[in-house]
Amino acid sequence: MTLSWNDHVAINELIALHGHLCDTGELDRLDEVFTPDVAYDVTDFGFGVLRGLTGNRDAALALGDRNPVGHHVTNIILTEHGPDRVLARSKGIGIMADGKCGSVTYDDTVVRREEGWRISERIVRARRVPLGG
């Protein structure tokens, strides 16, 4: 099955929605982005793998003022990986309240569900060394 243009748009908007929800504190809407059993791997930041929507919400609340004030995503590449499954790679830029910023790569597994496309797994890789390190 080839991804339709509508699928491309829906997945791009899904990935973008994450930043909007986090930046506005609408963590009760994470089910619009992630599957209920999402695995959110932030091992590069010392937090391990967060499990489920509640695990993600609780971690964000515990981080409090240490959360970025801006999550920006760009350079989204989609690769079909079977029926109703897409691998998405994107770049993220996080802006902190003090103006510091950092870069990450998001490696997402996106699955089509009854309610639409959702991220079932996200690996957040910190980018700390130029040219791939």
C-alpha atoms as a PDB file:
ATOM      1  CA  MET A   1       0.000   0.000   0.000  1.00  0.00           C
ATOM      2  CA  THR A   2       1.358   3.400  -0.945  1.00  0.00           C
ATOM      3  CA  LEU A   3       0.867   6.263   1.476  1.00  0.00           C
ATOM      4  CA  SER A   4      -1.623   8.756   0.149  1.00  0.00           C
ATOM      5  CA  TRP A   5      -1.043  12.490   0.156  1.00  0.00           C
ATOM      6  CA  ASN A   6      -3.703  12.681   2.913  1.00  0.00           C
ATOM      7  CA  ASP A   7      -1.690  10.187   4.990  1.00  0.00           C
ATOM      8  CA  HIS A   8       1.472  12.275   4.551  1.00  0.00           C
ATOM      9  CA  VAL A   9      -0.337  15.409   5.680  1.00  0.00           C
ATOM     10  CA  ALA A  10      -2.009  13.652   8.620  1.00  0.00           C
ATOM     11  CA  ILE A  11       1.286  12.188   9.887  1.00  0.00           C
ATOM     12  CA  ASN A  12       3.130  15.496   9.523  1.00  0.00           C
ATOM     13  CA  GLU A  13       0.366  17.247  11.471  1.00  0.00           C
ATOM     14  CA  LEU A  14       0.426  14.490  14.097  1.00  0.00           C
ATOM     15  CA  ILE A  15       4.148  14.999  14.675  1.00  0.00           C
ATOM     16  CA  ALA A  16       3.701  18.787  14.834  1.00  0.00           C
ATOM     17  CA  LEU A  17       0.769  18.523  17.259  1.00  0.00           C
ATOM     18  CA  HIS A  18       3.003  17.039  19.959  1.00  0.00           C
ATOM     19  CA  GLY A  19       4.906  20.315  20.350  1.00  0.00           C
ATOM     20  CA  HIS A  20       1.778  22.421  20.464  1.00  0.00           C
ATOM     21  CA  LEU A  21       0.201  20.256  23.167  1.00  0.00           C
ATOM     22  CA  CYS A  22       3.354  20.164  25.294  1.00  0.00           C
ATOM     23  CA  ASP A  23       4.061  23.882  24.956  1.00  0.00           C
ATOM     24  CA  THR A  24       0.535  24.808  26.046  1.00  0.00           C
ATOM     25  CA  GLY A  25       0.410  22.196  28.814  1.00  0.00           C
ATOM     26  CA  GLU A  26      -2.475  20.297  27.221  1.00  0.00           C
ATOM     27  CA  LEU A  27      -1.082  16.968  28.399  1.00  0.00           C
ATOM     28  CA  ASP A  28      -4.573  15.503  28.769  1.00  0.00           C
ATOM     29  CA  ARG A  29      -4.732  15.514  24.945  1.00  0.00           C
ATOM     30  CA  LEU A  30      -1.640  13.333  24.372  1.00  0.00           C
ATOM     31  CA  ASP A  31      -4.004  10.563  23.223  1.00  0.00           C
ATOM     32  CA  GLU A  32      -4.387  12.606  20.015  1.00  0.00           C
ATOM     33  CA  VAL A  33      -0.694  11.960  19.295  1.00  0.00           C
ATOM     34  CA  PHE A  34       0.255   8.668  20.967  1.00  0.00           C
ATOM     35  CA  THR A  35      -1.183   5.189  21.359  1.00  0.00           C
ATOM     36  CA  PRO A  36      -2.293   4.335  24.919  1.00  0.00           C
ATOM     37  CA  ASP A  37       0.718   2.009  25.313  1.00  0.00           C
ATOM     38  CA  VAL A  38       3.325   4.297  23.720  1.00  0.00           C
ATOM     39  CA  ALA A  39       6.989   3.651  24.469  1.00  0.00           C
ATOM     40  CA  TYR A  40       8.730   7.065  24.690  1.00  0.00           C
ATOM     41  CA  ASP A  41      12.481   6.547  24.907  1.00  0.00           C
ATOM     42  CA  VAL A  42      14.344   9.454  26.469  1.00  0.00           C
ATOM     43  CA  THR A  43      17.323   7.382  27.581  1.00  0.00           C
ATOM     44  CA  ASP A  44      19.703   9.956  26.061  1.00  0.00           C
ATOM     45  CA  PHE A  45      18.419  12.408  28.681  1.00  0.00           C
ATOM     46  CA  GLY A  46      18.702   9.968  31.595  1.00  0.00           C
ATOM     47  CA  PHE A  47      14.990   9.167  31.895  1.00  0.00           C
ATOM     48  CA  GLY A  48      14.837   5.702  30.310  1.00  0.00           C
ATOM     49  CA  VAL A  49      11.711   4.589  28.476  1.00  0.00           C
ATOM     50  CA  LEU A  50       8.448   6.194  29.552  1.00  0.00           C
ATOM     51  CA  ARG A  51       5.466   3.852  29.185  1.00  0.00           C
ATOM     52  CA  GLY A  52       1.932   4.824  28.289  1.00  0.00           C
ATOM     53  CA  LEU A  53       0.140   8.153  28.201  1.00  0.00           C
ATOM     54  CA  THR A  54       0.150   8.493  31.987  1.00  0.00           C
ATOM     55  CA  GLY A  55       3.890   7.846  32.184  1.00  0.00           C
ATOM     56  CA  ASN A  56       4.526  10.603  29.653  1.00  0.00           C
ATOM     57  CA  ARG A  57       2.173  13.052  31.338  1.00  0.00           C
ATOM     58  CA  ASP A  58       3.600  12.354  34.805  1.00  0.00           C
ATOM     59  CA  ALA A  59       7.184  12.787  33.581  1.00  0.00           C
ATOM     60  CA  ALA A  60       6.370  16.139  31.962  1.00  0.00           C
ATOM     61  CA  LEU A  61       4.658  17.367  35.130  1.00  0.00           C
ATOM     62  CA  ALA A  62       7.569  16.199  37.296  1.00  0.00           C
ATOM     63  CA  LEU A  63      10.014  18.067  35.044  1.00  0.00           C
ATOM     64  CA  GLY A  64       7.982  21.229  35.589  1.00  0.00           C
ATOM     65  CA  ASP A  65       9.877  24.424  34.751  1.00  0.00           C
ATOM     66  CA  ARG A  66      12.729  22.379  33.262  1.00  0.00           C
ATOM     67  CA  ASN A  67      10.535  21.573  30.226  1.00  0.00           C
ATOM     68  CA  PRO A  68      11.279  23.466  27.022  1.00  0.00           C
ATOM     69  CA  VAL A  69       8.998  26.429  26.352  1.00  0.00           C
ATOM     70  CA  GLY A  70       9.124  25.612  22.648  1.00  0.00           C
ATOM     71  CA  HIS A  71       9.187  22.235  20.884  1.00  0.00           C
ATOM     72  CA  HIS A  72       9.836  22.775  17.164  1.00  0.00           C
ATOM     73  CA  VAL A  73       9.933  19.961  14.623  1.00  0.00           C
ATOM     74  CA  THR A  74      11.249  19.973  11.076  1.00  0.00           C
ATOM     75  CA  ASN A  75      12.787  17.817   8.319  1.00  0.00           C
ATOM     76  CA  ILE A  76      10.177  15.045   8.525  1.00  0.00           C
ATOM     77  CA  ILE A  77      10.930  11.941   6.442  1.00  0.00           C
ATOM     78  CA  LEU A  78       8.343   9.144   6.163  1.00  0.00           C
ATOM     79  CA  THR A  79       9.105   5.556   5.157  1.00  0.00           C
ATOM     80  CA  GLU A  80       6.398   2.940   4.788  1.00  0.00           C
ATOM     81  CA  HIS A  81       7.098  -0.114   6.895  1.00  0.00           C
ATOM     82  CA  GLY A  82       4.241  -2.465   6.159  1.00  0.00           C
ATOM     83  CA  PRO A  83       0.511  -1.962   6.029  1.00  0.00           C
ATOM     84  CA  ASP A  84      -0.689   0.798   8.350  1.00  0.00           C
ATOM     85  CA  ARG A  85       2.823   1.344   9.727  1.00  0.00           C
ATOM     86  CA  VAL A  86       5.236   4.176   8.967  1.00  0.00           C
ATOM     87  CA  LEU A  87       8.682   5.028  10.254  1.00  0.00           C
ATOM     88  CA  ALA A  88       9.076   8.784  10.664  1.00  0.00           C
ATOM     89  CA  ARG A  89      12.369  10.571  11.274  1.00  0.00           C
ATOM     90  CA  SER A  90      12.375  14.250  12.143  1.00  0.00           C
ATOM     91  CA  LYS A  91      14.536  16.892  13.737  1.00  0.00           C
ATOM     92  CA  GLY A  92      13.492  18.655  16.906  1.00  0.00           C
ATOM     93  CA  ILE A  93      14.676  21.918  18.378  1.00  0.00           C
ATOM     94  CA  GLY A  94      13.891  22.638  22.009  1.00  0.00           C
ATOM     95  CA  ILE A  95      13.999  26.197  23.332  1.00  0.00           C
ATOM     96  CA  MET A  96      14.354  26.662  27.070  1.00  0.00           C
ATOM     97  CA  ALA A  97      13.012  29.579  29.122  1.00  0.00           C
ATOM     98  CA  ASP A  98      16.538  31.007  29.470  1.00  0.00           C
ATOM     99  CA  GLY A  99      17.025  30.994  25.681  1.00  0.00           C
ATOM    100  CA  LYS A 100      19.293  27.949  25.526  1.00  0.00           C
ATOM    101  CA  CYS A 101      18.395  25.455  22.842  1.00  0.00           C
ATOM    102  CA  GLY A 102      19.151  21.890  21.879  1.00  0.00           C
ATOM    103  CA  SER A 103      18.678  19.611  18.916  1.00  0.00           C
ATOM    104  CA  VAL A 104      17.277  16.084  18.805  1.00  0.00           C
ATOM    105  CA  THR A 105      16.334  13.482  16.254  1.00  0.00           C
ATOM    106  CA  TYR A 106      12.947  11.824  16.686  1.00  0.00           C
ATOM    107  CA  ASP A 107      12.622   8.261  15.400  1.00  0.00           C
ATOM    108  CA  ASP A 108       8.924   7.424  15.480  1.00  0.00           C
ATOM    109  CA  THR A 109       6.886   4.360  14.672  1.00  0.00           C
ATOM    110  CA  VAL A 110       3.495   5.604  13.505  1.00  0.00           C
ATOM    111  CA  VAL A 111       0.522   3.252  13.198  1.00  0.00           C
ATOM    112  CA  ARG A 112      -2.908   3.670  11.675  1.00  0.00           C
ATOM    113  CA  ARG A 113      -5.647   3.045  14.216  1.00  0.00           C
ATOM    114  CA  GLU A 114      -9.414   3.387  14.131  1.00  0.00           C
ATOM    115  CA  GLU A 115      -9.106   6.971  15.406  1.00  0.00           C
ATOM    116  CA  GLY A 116      -6.349   7.821  12.902  1.00  0.00           C
ATOM    117  CA  TRP A 117      -2.546   7.853  12.865  1.00  0.00           C
ATOM    118  CA  ARG A 118      -0.784   7.663  16.254  1.00  0.00           C
ATOM    119  CA  ILE A 119       2.824   7.328  17.416  1.00  0.00           C
ATOM    120  CA  SER A 120       3.344   3.964  19.134  1.00  0.00           C
ATOM    121  CA  GLU A 121       7.064   4.387  19.765  1.00  0.00           C
ATOM    122  CA  ARG A 122       9.322   7.428  19.882  1.00  0.00           C
ATOM    123  CA  ILE A 123      13.072   7.402  20.414  1.00  0.00           C
ATOM    124  CA  VAL A 124      14.490  10.835  21.200  1.00  0.00           C
ATOM    125  CA  ARG A 125      18.182  11.011  20.291  1.00  0.00           C
ATOM    126  CA  ALA A 126      20.160  13.975  21.587  1.00  0.00           C
ATOM    127  CA  ARG A 127      22.317  15.701  18.974  1.00  0.00           C
ATOM    128  CA  ARG A 128      25.415  16.892  20.827  1.00  0.00           C
ATOM    129  CA  VAL A 129      28.193  16.398  18.268  1.00  0.00           C
ATOM    130  CA  PRO A 130      28.317  17.914  14.771  1.00  0.00           C
ATOM    131  CA  LEU A 131      28.493  15.789  11.614  1.00  0.00           C
ATOM    132  CA  GLY A 132      27.029  12.707  13.234  1.00  0.00           C
ATOM    133  CA  GLY A 133      29.725  12.425  15.908  1.00  0.00           C
END
